[in-house]
Amino acid sequence: MAGHSKFKNIMHRKGAQDKKRSNLFSKLSREITVAAKMGMPDPDMNPRLRLAVNAAKAQSMPKDNIQRAIDKASANDGDNYEEVRYEGYGPGGSAIIVEALTDNRNRTATNIRTAFSKNGGNLGTEGSVAHGFERLGLIVYPADAGDEEKVLEAAMEAGAEDIASTDDGHEIWTAPDDLHAVAEALEKSLGSAETVKLAWKPNLTVDMDEGNAGTLLKLIDALDDDDDVQTVWGNYDISDEVMEKLD
């Protein structure tokens, strides 16, 4: 059940996220507002909102910011965002999935197409790369949550499908519909998770050489800089050796 972790490469670099905390808070607030609008404004009664609030807390987002985002939905204030998915090809034969929340599809599509074309990629049509990924729930715990045996046992008891542990931490994968229930069960045994979200897990990964990796990371950063983009997923694998040369 356990295996080598590829998550640090599947999702864009967390370090880049940390440098853009205000941008990150804006994205988290948008997800909270959308989740609260789609269901009850109470996290205990709204699984998606609970996940969004937990994600915000994991990034040390202030309670006031979280409450403001919920209140915005309750007051029916602000823009109406819709969920949009974009798919495309990056350098070195990589496949990229971009998830966005937007109030203007034309603006977002133009920005994302520009990011791809300026950084060695091509925006494809919906469905062009998603067939190479599996839609799953993902729960991430830091390494200090417990050793591999402890986390594996907790994950199996909670109903998880798979787990990968490395020195960096633990990834726990679930069926999409089981994400909330598994996350809730794990919170009781392991505490709060770093990440709880629906994810795109690639069936196969593509190794990146130094040249392609550098261009690819520029593409991912350009996408992540867009306010409408929530998450960027890919099927690329960048070795530690290549990453060290790029840092």
Protein backbone atom coordinates (compact mmCIF):
# COMPACT_ATOMS: atom_id res chain seq x y z
CA MET A 1 0.00 0.00 0.00
CA ALA A 2 2.83 2.42 0.77
CA GLY A 3 5.04 3.70 -2.01
CA HIS A 4 7.44 6.38 -3.15
CA SER A 5 5.91 9.85 -2.97
CA LYS A 6 5.58 11.89 -6.15
CA PHE A 7 3.24 14.50 -4.70
CA LYS A 8 5.87 17.22 -4.33
CA ASN A 9 6.10 17.16 -8.13
CA ILE A 10 2.46 16.46 -8.93
CA MET A 11 1.27 19.67 -7.33
CA HIS A 12 3.18 22.90 -7.87
CA ARG A 13 5.92 23.72 -5.39
CA LYS A 14 4.67 24.65 -1.95
CA GLY A 15 7.67 26.95 -1.46
CA ALA A 16 6.50 29.14 -4.32
CA GLN A 17 3.08 29.29 -2.66
CA ASP A 18 4.53 30.37 0.66
CA LYS A 19 6.24 33.35 -0.94
CA LYS A 20 2.89 34.62 -2.18
CA ARG A 21 0.88 34.41 1.01
CA SER A 22 -1.45 37.32 0.22
CA ASN A 23 -2.19 35.76 -3.17
CA LEU A 24 -2.78 32.44 -1.43
CA PHE A 25 -5.17 33.97 1.13
CA SER A 26 -7.16 35.47 -1.74
CA LYS A 27 -7.52 32.05 -3.37
CA LEU A 28 -8.48 30.39 -0.08
CA SER A 29 -11.07 33.11 0.63
CA ARG A 30 -12.61 32.59 -2.80
CA GLU A 31 -12.94 28.84 -2.21
CA ILE A 32 -14.51 29.43 1.23
CA THR A 33 -17.05 31.88 -0.23
CA VAL A 34 -17.97 29.53 -3.08
CA ALA A 35 -18.28 26.55 -0.71
CA ALA A 36 -20.48 28.55 1.69
CA LYS A 37 -22.71 29.72 -1.16
CA MET A 38 -23.18 26.17 -2.45
CA GLY A 39 -24.38 24.82 0.90
CA MET A 40 -24.89 25.80 4.51
CA PRO A 41 -22.60 28.57 5.88
CA ASP A 42 -21.79 26.25 8.81
CA PRO A 43 -18.63 24.13 8.29
CA ASP A 44 -20.09 21.32 10.46
CA MET A 45 -23.06 21.04 8.08
CA ASN A 46 -21.16 21.64 4.82
CA PRO A 47 -18.33 19.18 3.99
CA ARG A 48 -16.84 21.32 1.21
CA LEU A 49 -16.81 24.40 3.44
CA ARG A 50 -15.22 22.41 6.26
CA LEU A 51 -12.41 21.31 3.91
CA ALA A 52 -11.94 24.89 2.70
CA VAL A 53 -11.78 26.25 6.25
CA ASN A 54 -9.33 23.52 7.30
CA ALA A 55 -7.13 24.32 4.28
CA ALA A 56 -7.12 27.99 5.28
CA LYS A 57 -6.24 27.15 8.87
CA ALA A 58 -3.38 24.91 7.67
CA GLN A 59 -1.92 27.97 5.91
CA SER A 60 -2.30 30.08 9.09
CA MET A 61 -5.01 32.25 7.58
CA PRO A 62 -6.44 34.53 10.33
CA LYS A 63 -9.86 33.59 11.75
CA ASP A 64 -11.20 37.04 10.84
CA ASN A 65 -10.36 36.47 7.16
CA ILE A 66 -12.09 33.08 7.23
CA GLN A 67 -15.22 34.51 8.84
CA ARG A 68 -15.32 37.43 6.37
CA ALA A 69 -15.24 34.98 3.47
CA ILE A 70 -18.17 33.02 4.97
CA ASP A 71 -20.11 36.21 5.73
CA LYS A 72 -19.61 37.36 2.14
CA ALA A 73 -21.50 34.28 0.96
CA SER A 74 -24.25 34.66 3.60
CA ALA A 75 -24.80 38.28 2.54
CA ASN A 76 -24.82 37.16 -1.12
CA ASP A 77 -22.13 39.76 -1.58
CA GLY A 78 -19.48 39.92 -4.28
CA ASP A 79 -19.14 38.14 -7.57
CA ASN A 80 -20.60 34.83 -8.60
CA TYR A 81 -17.71 32.48 -9.27
CA GLU A 82 -17.94 29.34 -11.35
CA GLU A 83 -15.59 26.38 -11.40
CA VAL A 84 -13.68 25.90 -14.64
CA ARG A 85 -11.06 23.32 -15.62
CA TYR A 86 -8.39 23.84 -18.26
CA GLU A 87 -6.15 21.16 -19.69
CA GLY A 88 -2.98 21.50 -21.68
CA TYR A 89 0.50 20.29 -22.53
CA GLY A 90 3.70 21.57 -20.95
CA PRO A 91 7.38 21.14 -21.91
CA GLY A 92 8.84 17.65 -22.26
CA GLY A 93 5.52 15.97 -22.99
CA SER A 94 4.03 16.88 -19.61
CA ALA A 95 0.28 17.12 -19.09
CA ILE A 96 -1.20 19.92 -16.97
CA ILE A 97 -4.64 20.37 -15.38
CA VAL A 98 -5.59 23.84 -14.09
CA GLU A 99 -8.55 24.35 -11.74
CA ALA A 100 -9.96 27.87 -11.51
CA LEU A 101 -12.76 29.82 -9.87
CA THR A 102 -13.71 32.72 -12.13
CA ASP A 103 -16.30 35.46 -12.58
CA ASN A 104 -15.17 36.02 -16.18
CA ARG A 105 -14.47 32.95 -18.32
CA ASN A 106 -13.06 34.95 -21.24
CA ARG A 107 -10.49 36.73 -19.09
CA THR A 108 -9.38 33.54 -17.38
CA ALA A 109 -9.15 31.54 -20.62
CA THR A 110 -7.08 34.29 -22.28
CA ASN A 111 -4.70 34.53 -19.30
CA ILE A 112 -4.21 30.77 -19.10
CA ARG A 113 -3.70 30.39 -22.86
CA THR A 114 -1.07 33.16 -22.71
CA ALA A 115 0.72 31.50 -19.78
CA PHE A 116 0.93 28.21 -21.71
CA SER A 117 2.09 29.76 -25.00
CA LYS A 118 4.77 31.95 -23.38
CA ASN A 119 6.25 29.05 -21.40
CA GLY A 120 6.67 26.19 -23.84
CA GLY A 121 3.16 24.78 -23.59
CA ASN A 122 -0.15 24.55 -25.45
CA LEU A 123 -3.66 24.86 -24.04
CA GLY A 124 -5.77 21.89 -25.10
CA THR A 125 -9.49 21.17 -25.06
CA GLU A 126 -11.36 19.85 -22.03
CA GLY A 127 -10.70 16.13 -21.76
CA SER A 128 -7.46 16.26 -23.75
CA VAL A 129 -5.28 15.18 -20.81
CA ALA A 130 -7.68 14.31 -17.97
CA HIS A 131 -7.92 10.70 -19.23
CA GLY A 132 -4.33 10.25 -18.02
CA PHE A 133 -5.28 11.16 -14.45
CA GLU A 134 -7.51 9.71 -11.76
CA ARG A 135 -9.85 11.93 -9.71
CA LEU A 136 -9.21 11.09 -6.04
CA GLY A 137 -9.31 12.60 -2.58
CA LEU A 138 -5.93 13.61 -1.14
CA ILE A 139 -4.98 14.14 2.50
CA VAL A 140 -1.42 15.23 3.33
CA TYR A 141 0.22 15.00 6.76
CA PRO A 142 3.68 16.22 7.76
CA ALA A 143 6.34 13.65 8.66
CA ASP A 144 5.98 14.42 12.37
CA ALA A 145 2.36 13.23 12.39
CA GLY A 146 3.74 9.74 13.03
CA ASP A 147 5.88 7.02 11.51
CA GLU A 148 4.80 5.16 8.40
CA GLU A 149 3.31 2.23 10.35
CA LYS A 150 1.18 4.48 12.57
CA VAL A 151 -0.14 6.55 9.65
CA LEU A 152 -0.74 3.45 7.51
CA GLU A 153 -2.78 1.82 10.28
CA ALA A 154 -4.80 5.00 10.88
CA ALA A 155 -5.43 5.45 7.14
CA MET A 156 -6.61 1.87 6.67
CA GLU A 157 -8.93 2.10 9.66
CA ALA A 158 -10.33 5.38 8.28
CA GLY A 159 -11.13 3.76 4.92
CA ALA A 160 -8.35 5.20 2.75
CA GLU A 161 -7.41 3.52 -0.55
CA ASP A 162 -3.67 4.16 -0.65
CA ILE A 163 -0.83 5.81 1.26
CA ALA A 164 2.66 6.97 0.30
CA SER A 165 5.16 7.93 3.01
CA THR A 166 8.56 9.60 2.60
CA ASP A 167 10.86 11.71 4.73
CA ASP A 168 8.81 14.72 3.57
CA GLY A 169 5.48 13.46 4.88
CA HIS A 170 2.50 11.23 4.21
CA GLU A 171 0.01 11.29 1.33
CA ILE A 172 -3.27 9.48 1.89
CA TRP A 173 -5.50 8.84 -1.12
CA THR A 174 -9.23 8.17 -0.95
CA ALA A 175 -12.19 7.66 -3.25
CA PRO A 176 -13.59 11.14 -4.09
CA ASP A 177 -16.83 10.58 -2.18
CA ASP A 178 -14.97 9.29 0.88
CA LEU A 179 -12.64 12.29 1.28
CA HIS A 180 -14.61 14.12 3.96
CA ALA A 181 -15.33 11.01 6.05
CA VAL A 182 -11.73 9.76 5.91
CA ALA A 183 -10.34 13.23 6.73
CA GLU A 184 -12.69 13.47 9.71
CA ALA A 185 -11.65 10.05 11.01
CA LEU A 186 -7.95 10.81 10.58
CA GLU A 187 -8.28 14.14 12.38
CA LYS A 188 -9.28 12.21 15.52
CA SER A 189 -6.22 9.95 15.37
CA LEU A 190 -3.55 12.13 13.72
CA GLY A 191 -4.72 15.72 14.27
CA SER A 192 -5.26 18.35 11.56
CA ALA A 193 -3.95 17.60 8.07
CA GLU A 194 -1.81 19.96 5.99
CA THR A 195 -3.93 19.43 2.88
CA VAL A 196 -7.38 17.97 2.30
CA LYS A 197 -8.71 18.32 -1.25
CA LEU A 198 -9.90 16.59 -4.39
CA ALA A 199 -6.86 15.91 -6.56
CA TRP A 200 -5.84 14.77 -10.03
CA LYS A 201 -3.41 11.86 -9.64
CA PRO A 202 -1.51 10.90 -12.83
CA ASN A 203 -1.56 7.28 -13.93
CA LEU A 204 2.01 7.67 -15.26
CA THR A 205 4.62 10.37 -14.67
CA VAL A 206 7.07 11.90 -17.15
CA ASP A 207 10.70 12.52 -16.13
CA MET A 208 11.89 16.07 -16.78
CA ASP A 209 15.46 16.97 -17.76
CA GLU A 210 17.00 20.25 -16.59
CA GLY A 211 15.99 22.27 -19.65
CA ASN A 212 12.36 21.14 -19.70
CA ALA A 213 12.06 21.33 -15.91
CA GLY A 214 13.16 24.97 -15.83
CA THR A 215 10.62 25.97 -18.49
CA LEU A 216 7.89 23.88 -16.87
CA LEU A 217 8.35 25.51 -13.47
CA LYS A 218 8.09 28.94 -15.11
CA LEU A 219 4.80 27.82 -16.66
CA ILE A 220 3.47 26.59 -13.32
CA ASP A 221 4.51 29.81 -11.56
CA ALA A 222 2.83 31.89 -14.30
CA LEU A 223 -0.39 29.91 -13.87
CA ASP A 224 -0.22 30.10 -10.09
CA ASP A 225 0.24 33.90 -10.24
CA ASP A 226 -3.20 34.25 -11.83
CA ASP A 227 -5.80 35.22 -9.24
CA ASP A 228 -8.43 32.94 -10.78
CA VAL A 229 -6.28 29.79 -10.64
CA GLN A 230 -6.87 27.65 -7.57
CA THR A 231 -4.68 24.60 -8.21
CA VAL A 232 -2.25 23.31 -10.83
CA TRP A 233 -1.72 19.57 -11.28
CA GLY A 234 0.66 17.74 -13.59
CA ASN A 235 2.12 14.35 -14.47
CA TYR A 236 5.76 15.47 -14.38
CA ASP A 237 8.53 14.16 -12.14
CA ILE A 238 11.57 16.32 -11.42
CA SER A 239 14.42 14.48 -9.70
CA ASP A 240 16.09 15.96 -6.61
CA GLU A 241 19.31 16.31 -8.65
CA VAL A 242 17.60 18.39 -11.34
CA MET A 243 15.72 20.44 -8.76
CA GLU A 244 18.97 21.29 -6.96
CA LYS A 245 20.46 22.63 -10.20
CA LEU A 246 17.42 24.83 -10.74
CA ASP A 247 17.15 26.27 -7.21
